[in-house]
Amino acid sequence: MAKEEVLSFEGMIDEILPDGRFRVELENGHRLIAYTAGRMRRFRIRSVVGDAVRVEMTPYDLTKGRIVYRDRGPGGPGAPNKRR
């Protein structure tokens, strides 16, 4: 069991900031600064503006979070080609 409970929210990346950070707007309209989790960095999962992401936050600081999952949108790997 974890030392402290984390809050998990769905959101969308608004802006890419320096130093590997992102500005994320959650579904409820709250904006926060998030960084990519170590496993995403390890497997070189890239995030761009407009990606839907899952963010984990601690209940003590609701202005910062960690991106733990990026949803594959249309046109990602495994999507059908539109060429003829």
PDB file of N, CA and C in Angstrom:
ATOM      1  N   MET A   1       0.834  -1.183   0.000  1.00  0.00           N
ATOM      2  CA  MET A   1       0.000   0.000   0.000  1.00  0.00           C
ATOM      3  C   MET A   1       0.878   1.246   0.000  1.00  0.00           C
ATOM      4  N   ALA A   2       0.450   2.255  -0.712  1.00  0.00           N
ATOM      5  CA  ALA A   2       1.236   3.473  -0.864  1.00  0.00           C
ATOM      6  C   ALA A   2       1.262   4.278   0.438  1.00  0.00           C
ATOM      7  N   LYS A   3       2.315   5.078   0.573  1.00  0.00           N
ATOM      8  CA  LYS A   3       2.431   5.927   1.749  1.00  0.00           C
ATOM      9  C   LYS A   3       1.306   6.943   1.807  1.00  0.00           C
ATOM     10  N   GLU A   4       1.016   7.514   0.661  1.00  0.00           N
ATOM     11  CA  GLU A   4      -0.050   8.509   0.592  1.00  0.00           C
ATOM     12  C   GLU A   4      -0.897   8.241  -0.638  1.00  0.00           C
ATOM     13  N   GLU A   5      -2.133   8.584  -0.546  1.00  0.00           N
ATOM     14  CA  GLU A   5      -3.046   8.377  -1.658  1.00  0.00           C
ATOM     15  C   GLU A   5      -2.825   9.444  -2.719  1.00  0.00           C
ATOM     16  N   VAL A   6      -2.985   9.081  -3.981  1.00  0.00           N
ATOM     17  CA  VAL A   6      -2.846  10.033  -5.073  1.00  0.00           C
ATOM     18  C   VAL A   6      -4.199  10.221  -5.745  1.00  0.00           C
ATOM     19  N   LEU A   7      -4.396  11.392  -6.305  1.00  0.00           N
ATOM     20  CA  LEU A   7      -5.602  11.701  -7.058  1.00  0.00           C
ATOM     21  C   LEU A   7      -5.279  11.544  -8.535  1.00  0.00           C
ATOM     22  N   SER A   8      -6.166  10.932  -9.277  1.00  0.00           N
ATOM     23  CA  SER A   8      -5.942  10.716 -10.702  1.00  0.00           C
ATOM     24  C   SER A   8      -7.022  11.431 -11.500  1.00  0.00           C
ATOM     25  N   PHE A   9      -6.603  12.221 -12.490  1.00  0.00           N
ATOM     26  CA  PHE A   9      -7.526  12.996 -13.309  1.00  0.00           C
ATOM     27  C   PHE A   9      -7.172  12.852 -14.777  1.00  0.00           C
ATOM     28  N   GLU A  10      -8.151  13.063 -15.634  1.00  0.00           N
ATOM     29  CA  GLU A  10      -7.949  13.100 -17.082  1.00  0.00           C
ATOM     30  C   GLU A  10      -7.819  14.563 -17.496  1.00  0.00           C
ATOM     31  N   GLY A  11      -6.968  14.825 -18.500  1.00  0.00           N
ATOM     32  CA  GLY A  11      -6.787  16.187 -18.971  1.00  0.00           C
ATOM     33  C   GLY A  11      -6.220  16.218 -20.371  1.00  0.00           C
ATOM     34  N   MET A  12      -5.861  17.431 -20.813  1.00  0.00           N
ATOM     35  CA  MET A  12      -5.302  17.620 -22.143  1.00  0.00           C
ATOM     36  C   MET A  12      -4.131  18.594 -22.038  1.00  0.00           C
ATOM     37  N   ILE A  13      -3.068  18.316 -22.787  1.00  0.00           N
ATOM     38  CA  ILE A  13      -1.887  19.178 -22.767  1.00  0.00           C
ATOM     39  C   ILE A  13      -2.192  20.464 -23.518  1.00  0.00           C
ATOM     40  N   ASP A  14      -1.977  21.602 -22.839  1.00  0.00           N
ATOM     41  CA  ASP A  14      -2.205  22.927 -23.427  1.00  0.00           C
ATOM     42  C   ASP A  14      -0.937  23.532 -24.006  1.00  0.00           C
ATOM     43  N   GLU A  15       0.161  23.343 -23.278  1.00  0.00           N
ATOM     44  CA  GLU A  15       1.386  24.057 -23.637  1.00  0.00           C
ATOM     45  C   GLU A  15       2.591  23.229 -23.200  1.00  0.00           C
ATOM     46  N   ILE A  16       3.647  23.278 -23.992  1.00  0.00           N
ATOM     47  CA  ILE A  16       4.900  22.618 -23.630  1.00  0.00           C
ATOM     48  C   ILE A  16       5.816  23.676 -23.026  1.00  0.00           C
ATOM     49  N   LEU A  17       6.289  23.426 -21.819  1.00  0.00           N
ATOM     50  CA  LEU A  17       7.158  24.349 -21.108  1.00  0.00           C
ATOM     51  C   LEU A  17       8.588  23.816 -21.126  1.00  0.00           C
ATOM     52  N   PRO A  18       9.560  24.676 -20.838  1.00  0.00           N
ATOM     53  CA  PRO A  18      10.946  24.194 -20.796  1.00  0.00           C
ATOM     54  C   PRO A  18      11.153  23.195 -19.656  1.00  0.00           C
ATOM     55  N   ASP A  19      12.241  22.456 -19.736  1.00  0.00           N
ATOM     56  CA  ASP A  19      12.658  21.531 -18.685  1.00  0.00           C
ATOM     57  C   ASP A  19      11.760  20.303 -18.574  1.00  0.00           C
ATOM     58  N   GLY A  20      11.124  19.900 -19.672  1.00  0.00           N
ATOM     59  CA  GLY A  20      10.332  18.671 -19.665  1.00  0.00           C
ATOM     60  C   GLY A  20       9.019  18.773 -18.923  1.00  0.00           C
ATOM     61  N   ARG A  21       8.481  19.960 -18.829  1.00  0.00           N
ATOM     62  CA  ARG A  21       7.218  20.155 -18.125  1.00  0.00           C
ATOM     63  C   ARG A  21       6.131  20.552 -19.117  1.00  0.00           C
ATOM     64  N   PHE A  22       4.893  20.365 -18.709  1.00  0.00           N
ATOM     65  CA  PHE A  22       3.741  20.653 -19.559  1.00  0.00           C
ATOM     66  C   PHE A  22       2.681  21.380 -18.748  1.00  0.00           C
ATOM     67  N   ARG A  23       1.932  22.261 -19.408  1.00  0.00           N
ATOM     68  CA  ARG A  23       0.758  22.863 -18.776  1.00  0.00           C
ATOM     69  C   ARG A  23      -0.435  22.030 -19.229  1.00  0.00           C
ATOM     70  N   VAL A  24      -1.173  21.493 -18.266  1.00  0.00           N
ATOM     71  CA  VAL A  24      -2.272  20.577 -18.537  1.00  0.00           C
ATOM     72  C   VAL A  24      -3.565  21.182 -18.016  1.00  0.00           C
ATOM     73  N   GLU A  25      -4.610  21.113 -18.833  1.00  0.00           N
ATOM     74  CA  GLU A  25      -5.933  21.535 -18.378  1.00  0.00           C
ATOM     75  C   GLU A  25      -6.758  20.285 -18.130  1.00  0.00           C
ATOM     76  N   LEU A  26      -7.259  20.145 -16.906  1.00  0.00           N
ATOM     77  CA  LEU A  26      -8.047  18.985 -16.537  1.00  0.00           C
ATOM     78  C   LEU A  26      -9.470  19.124 -17.059  1.00  0.00           C
ATOM     79  N   GLU A  27     -10.229  18.045 -16.996  1.00  0.00           N
ATOM     80  CA  GLU A  27     -11.607  18.057 -17.495  1.00  0.00           C
ATOM     81  C   GLU A  27     -12.478  19.048 -16.734  1.00  0.00           C
ATOM     82  N   ASN A  28     -12.153  19.294 -15.454  1.00  0.00           N
ATOM     83  CA  ASN A  28     -12.957  20.211 -14.661  1.00  0.00           C
ATOM     84  C   ASN A  28     -12.537  21.677 -14.834  1.00  0.00           C
ATOM     85  N   GLY A  29     -11.583  21.946 -15.721  1.00  0.00           N
ATOM     86  CA  GLY A  29     -11.160  23.313 -16.012  1.00  0.00           C
ATOM     87  C   GLY A  29      -9.944  23.776 -15.224  1.00  0.00           C
ATOM     88  N   HIS A  30      -9.491  23.006 -14.257  1.00  0.00           N
ATOM     89  CA  HIS A  30      -8.328  23.362 -13.449  1.00  0.00           C
ATOM     90  C   HIS A  30      -7.062  23.202 -14.288  1.00  0.00           C
ATOM     91  N   ARG A  31      -6.135  24.176 -14.205  1.00  0.00           N
ATOM     92  CA  ARG A  31      -4.868  24.103 -14.941  1.00  0.00           C
ATOM     93  C   ARG A  31      -3.732  23.883 -13.970  1.00  0.00           C
ATOM     94  N   LEU A  32      -2.775  23.037 -14.383  1.00  0.00           N
ATOM     95  CA  LEU A  32      -1.641  22.737 -13.524  1.00  0.00           C
ATOM     96  C   LEU A  32      -0.409  22.475 -14.368  1.00  0.00           C
ATOM     97  N   ILE A  33       0.730  22.404 -13.707  1.00  0.00           N
ATOM     98  CA  ILE A  33       1.994  22.092 -14.370  1.00  0.00           C
ATOM     99  C   ILE A  33       2.337  20.649 -14.038  1.00  0.00           C
ATOM    100  N   ALA A  34       2.661  19.863 -15.068  1.00  0.00           N
ATOM    101  CA  ALA A  34       2.940  18.441 -14.871  1.00  0.00           C
ATOM    102  C   ALA A  34       4.234  18.061 -15.582  1.00  0.00           C
ATOM    103  N   TYR A  35       4.863  17.024 -15.071  1.00  0.00           N
ATOM    104  CA  TYR A  35       6.056  16.469 -15.710  1.00  0.00           C
ATOM    105  C   TYR A  35       5.772  15.025 -16.066  1.00  0.00           C
ATOM    106  N   THR A  36       6.556  14.464 -16.970  1.00  0.00           N
ATOM    107  CA  THR A  36       6.333  13.085 -17.390  1.00  0.00           C
ATOM    108  C   THR A  36       6.909  12.132 -16.356  1.00  0.00           C
ATOM    109  N   ALA A  37       6.230  11.025 -16.138  1.00  0.00           N
ATOM    110  CA  ALA A  37       6.688  10.014 -15.194  1.00  0.00           C
ATOM    111  C   ALA A  37       7.953   9.355 -15.733  1.00  0.00           C
ATOM    112  N   GLY A  38       8.728   8.767 -14.853  1.00  0.00           N
ATOM    113  CA  GLY A  38      10.001   8.164 -15.227  1.00  0.00           C
ATOM    114  C   GLY A  38       9.871   7.069 -16.265  1.00  0.00           C
ATOM    115  N   ARG A  39       8.821   6.276 -16.177  1.00  0.00           N
ATOM    116  CA  ARG A  39       8.643   5.189 -17.144  1.00  0.00           C
ATOM    117  C   ARG A  39       8.344   5.749 -18.532  1.00  0.00           C
ATOM    118  N   MET A  40       7.598   6.840 -18.612  1.00  0.00           N
ATOM    119  CA  MET A  40       7.338   7.457 -19.921  1.00  0.00           C
ATOM    120  C   MET A  40       8.634   8.011 -20.501  1.00  0.00           C
ATOM    121  N   ARG A  41       9.466   8.579 -19.647  1.00  0.00           N
ATOM    122  CA  ARG A  41      10.747   9.099 -20.096  1.00  0.00           C
ATOM    123  C   ARG A  41      11.661   7.960 -20.538  1.00  0.00           C
ATOM    124  N   ARG A  42      11.633   6.867 -19.809  1.00  0.00           N
ATOM    125  CA  ARG A  42      12.491   5.723 -20.107  1.00  0.00           C
ATOM    126  C   ARG A  42      12.171   5.111 -21.466  1.00  0.00           C
ATOM    127  N   PHE A  43      10.900   5.007 -21.806  1.00  0.00           N
ATOM    128  CA  PHE A  43      10.502   4.419 -23.080  1.00  0.00           C
ATOM    129  C   PHE A  43      10.296   5.474 -24.171  1.00  0.00           C
ATOM    130  N   ARG A  44      10.726   6.694 -23.906  1.00  0.00           N
ATOM    131  CA  ARG A  44      10.703   7.813 -24.858  1.00  0.00           C
ATOM    132  C   ARG A  44       9.316   8.047 -25.449  1.00  0.00           C
ATOM    133  N   ILE A  45       8.306   8.097 -24.595  1.00  0.00           N
ATOM    134  CA  ILE A  45       6.952   8.400 -25.042  1.00  0.00           C
ATOM    135  C   ILE A  45       6.826   9.912 -25.129  1.00  0.00           C
ATOM    136  N   ARG A  46       6.615  10.408 -26.327  1.00  0.00           N
ATOM    137  CA  ARG A  46       6.558  11.848 -26.566  1.00  0.00           C
ATOM    138  C   ARG A  46       5.124  12.344 -26.434  1.00  0.00           C
ATOM    139  N   SER A  47       4.984  13.523 -25.881  1.00  0.00           N
ATOM    140  CA  SER A  47       3.674  14.155 -25.740  1.00  0.00           C
ATOM    141  C   SER A  47       3.700  15.491 -26.471  1.00  0.00           C
ATOM    142  N   VAL A  48       2.620  15.809 -27.137  1.00  0.00           N
ATOM    143  CA  VAL A  48       2.506  17.067 -27.862  1.00  0.00           C
ATOM    144  C   VAL A  48       1.224  17.768 -27.435  1.00  0.00           C
ATOM    145  N   VAL A  49       1.099  19.019 -27.836  1.00  0.00           N
ATOM    146  CA  VAL A  49      -0.087  19.803 -27.500  1.00  0.00           C
ATOM    147  C   VAL A  49      -1.319  19.128 -28.087  1.00  0.00           C
ATOM    148  N   GLY A  50      -2.346  18.979 -27.272  1.00  0.00           N
ATOM    149  CA  GLY A  50      -3.586  18.361 -27.714  1.00  0.00           C
ATOM    150  C   GLY A  50      -3.734  16.909 -27.307  1.00  0.00           C
ATOM    151  N   ASP A  51      -2.680  16.286 -26.762  1.00  0.00           N
ATOM    152  CA  ASP A  51      -2.765  14.894 -26.322  1.00  0.00           C
ATOM    153  C   ASP A  51      -3.614  14.786 -25.064  1.00  0.00           C
ATOM    154  N   ALA A  52      -4.448  13.757 -25.006  1.00  0.00           N
ATOM    155  CA  ALA A  52      -5.199  13.457 -23.794  1.00  0.00           C
ATOM    156  C   ALA A  52      -4.299  12.650 -22.875  1.00  0.00           C
ATOM    157  N   VAL A  53      -4.223  13.043 -21.606  1.00  0.00           N
ATOM    158  CA  VAL A  53      -3.308  12.409 -20.661  1.00  0.00           C
ATOM    159  C   VAL A  53      -4.023  12.113 -19.348  1.00  0.00           C
ATOM    160  N   ARG A  54      -3.437  11.201 -18.571  1.00  0.00           N
ATOM    161  CA  ARG A  54      -3.895  10.933 -17.214  1.00  0.00           C
ATOM    162  C   ARG A  54      -2.837  11.493 -16.276  1.00  0.00           C
ATOM    163  N   VAL A  55      -3.262  12.285 -15.300  1.00  0.00           N
ATOM    164  CA  VAL A  55      -2.349  12.975 -14.393  1.00  0.00           C
ATOM    165  C   VAL A  55      -2.606  12.501 -12.970  1.00  0.00           C
ATOM    166  N   GLU A  56      -1.539  12.210 -12.230  1.00  0.00           N
ATOM    167  CA  GLU A  56      -1.640  11.886 -10.816  1.00  0.00           C
ATOM    168  C   GLU A  56      -1.132  13.068 -10.012  1.00  0.00           C
ATOM    169  N   MET A  57      -1.863  13.379  -8.941  1.00  0.00           N
ATOM    170  CA  MET A  57      -1.501  14.506  -8.083  1.00  0.00           C
ATOM    171  C   MET A  57      -1.595  14.074  -6.624  1.00  0.00           C
ATOM    172  N   THR A  58      -0.827  14.729  -5.786  1.00  0.00           N
ATOM    173  CA  THR A  58      -0.935  14.518  -4.358  1.00  0.00           C
ATOM    174  C   THR A  58      -1.992  15.474  -3.811  1.00  0.00           C
ATOM    175  N   PRO A  59      -2.717  15.108  -2.775  1.00  0.00           N
ATOM    176  CA  PRO A  59      -3.733  16.021  -2.238  1.00  0.00           C
ATOM    177  C   PRO A  59      -3.140  17.245  -1.546  1.00  0.00           C
ATOM    178  N   TYR A  60      -1.829  17.263  -1.319  1.00  0.00           N
ATOM    179  CA  TYR A  60      -1.203  18.375  -0.615  1.00  0.00           C
ATOM    180  C   TYR A  60      -0.888  19.551  -1.517  1.00  0.00           C
ATOM    181  N   ASP A  61      -0.615  19.304  -2.800  1.00  0.00           N
ATOM    182  CA  ASP A  61      -0.302  20.387  -3.735  1.00  0.00           C
ATOM    183  C   ASP A  61      -1.069  20.139  -5.036  1.00  0.00           C
ATOM    184  N   LEU A  62      -2.143  20.867  -5.234  1.00  0.00           N
ATOM    185  CA  LEU A  62      -3.011  20.651  -6.387  1.00  0.00           C
ATOM    186  C   LEU A  62      -2.597  21.479  -7.604  1.00  0.00           C
ATOM    187  N   THR A  63      -1.411  22.089  -7.560  1.00  0.00           N
ATOM    188  CA  THR A  63      -0.939  22.883  -8.696  1.00  0.00           C
ATOM    189  C   THR A  63       0.104  22.129  -9.520  1.00  0.00           C
ATOM    190  N   LYS A  64       0.552  20.972  -9.033  1.00  0.00           N
ATOM    191  CA  LYS A  64       1.574  20.200  -9.737  1.00  0.00           C
ATOM    192  C   LYS A  64       1.122  18.754  -9.849  1.00  0.00           C
ATOM    193  N   GLY A  65       1.585  18.089 -10.915  1.00  0.00           N
ATOM    194  CA  GLY A  65       1.199  16.695 -11.108  1.00  0.00           C
ATOM    195  C   GLY A  65       2.219  15.946 -11.943  1.00  0.00           C
ATOM    196  N   ARG A  66       1.939  14.649 -12.148  1.00  0.00           N
ATOM    197  CA  ARG A  66       2.816  13.775 -12.910  1.00  0.00           C
ATOM    198  C   ARG A  66       1.979  13.092 -13.986  1.00  0.00           C
ATOM    199  N   ILE A  67       2.424  13.190 -15.231  1.00  0.00           N
ATOM    200  CA  ILE A  67       1.722  12.544 -16.341  1.00  0.00           C
ATOM    201  C   ILE A  67       2.125  11.077 -16.337  1.00  0.00           C
ATOM    202  N   VAL A  68       1.138  10.185 -16.159  1.00  0.00           N
ATOM    203  CA  VAL A  68       1.443   8.755 -16.076  1.00  0.00           C
ATOM    204  C   VAL A  68       0.965   7.984 -17.292  1.00  0.00           C
ATOM    205  N   TYR A  69       0.101   8.584 -18.130  1.00  0.00           N
ATOM    206  CA  TYR A  69      -0.414   7.863 -19.296  1.00  0.00           C
ATOM    207  C   TYR A  69      -0.815   8.855 -20.366  1.00  0.00           C
ATOM    208  N   ARG A  70      -0.465   8.540 -21.625  1.00  0.00           N
ATOM    209  CA  ARG A  70      -0.877   9.366 -22.762  1.00  0.00           C
ATOM    210  C   ARG A  70      -1.755   8.509 -23.654  1.00  0.00           C
ATOM    211  N   ASP A  71      -2.979   8.978 -23.895  1.00  0.00           N
ATOM    212  CA  ASP A  71      -3.895   8.253 -24.779  1.00  0.00           C
ATOM    213  C   ASP A  71      -3.448   8.426 -26.215  1.00  0.00           C
ATOM    214  N   ARG A  72      -3.491   7.324 -26.945  1.00  0.00           N
ATOM    215  CA  ARG A  72      -3.177   7.403 -28.368  1.00  0.00           C
ATOM    216  C   ARG A  72      -4.382   7.960 -29.095  1.00  0.00           C
ATOM    217  N   GLY A  73      -4.189   9.047 -29.776  1.00  0.00           N
ATOM    218  CA  GLY A  73      -5.275   9.673 -30.507  1.00  0.00           C
ATOM    219  C   GLY A  73      -5.355   9.145 -31.915  1.00  0.00           C
ATOM    220  N   PRO A  74      -6.217   9.724 -32.738  1.00  0.00           N
ATOM    221  CA  PRO A  74      -6.296   9.305 -34.138  1.00  0.00           C
ATOM    222  C   PRO A  74      -4.979   9.595 -34.849  1.00  0.00           C
ATOM    223  N   GLY A  75      -4.566   8.674 -35.692  1.00  0.00           N
ATOM    224  CA  GLY A  75      -3.319   8.852 -36.433  1.00  0.00           C
ATOM    225  C   GLY A  75      -2.119   8.297 -35.710  1.00  0.00           C
ATOM    226  N   GLY A  76      -2.317   7.697 -34.535  1.00  0.00           N
ATOM    227  CA  GLY A  76      -1.211   7.115 -33.790  1.00  0.00           C
ATOM    228  C   GLY A  76      -0.844   5.755 -34.358  1.00  0.00           C
ATOM    229  N   PRO A  77       0.076   5.048 -33.715  1.00  0.00           N
ATOM    230  CA  PRO A  77       0.453   3.722 -34.175  1.00  0.00           C
ATOM    231  C   PRO A  77      -0.738   2.773 -34.165  1.00  0.00           C
ATOM    232  N   GLY A  78      -0.851   1.987 -35.195  1.00  0.00           N
ATOM    233  CA  GLY A  78      -1.962   1.049 -35.283  1.00  0.00           C
ATOM    234  C   GLY A  78      -3.188   1.610 -35.974  1.00  0.00           C
ATOM    235  N   ALA A  79      -3.151   2.887 -36.326  1.00  0.00           N
ATOM    236  CA  ALA A  79      -4.295   3.482 -37.025  1.00  0.00           C
ATOM    237  C   ALA A  79      -4.206   3.139 -38.502  1.00  0.00           C
ATOM    238  N   PRO A  80      -5.347   2.987 -39.169  1.00  0.00           N
ATOM    239  CA  PRO A  80      -5.305   2.666 -40.601  1.00  0.00           C
ATOM    240  C   PRO A  80      -4.735   3.826 -41.420  1.00  0.00           C
ATOM    241  N   ASN A  81      -4.002   3.487 -42.471  1.00  0.00           N
ATOM    242  CA  ASN A  81      -3.450   4.516 -43.365  1.00  0.00           C
ATOM    243  C   ASN A  81      -4.537   5.141 -44.196  1.00  0.00           C
ATOM    244  N   LYS A  82      -4.394   6.426 -44.493  1.00  0.00           N
ATOM    245  CA  LYS A  82      -5.403   7.109 -45.308  1.00  0.00           C
ATOM    246  C   LYS A  82      -4.910   7.284 -46.738  1.00  0.00           C
ATOM    247  N   ARG A  83      -3.762   6.694 -47.063  1.00  0.00           N
ATOM    248  CA  ARG A  83      -3.255   6.788 -48.430  1.00  0.00           C
ATOM    249  C   ARG A  83      -4.038   5.869 -49.348  1.00  0.00           C
ATOM    250  N   ARG A  84      -4.061   6.226 -50.614  1.00  0.00           N
ATOM    251  CA  ARG A  84      -4.763   5.404 -51.600  1.00  0.00           C
ATOM    252  C   ARG A  84      -3.784   4.804 -52.549  1.00  0.00           C
TER     253      ARG A  84
END
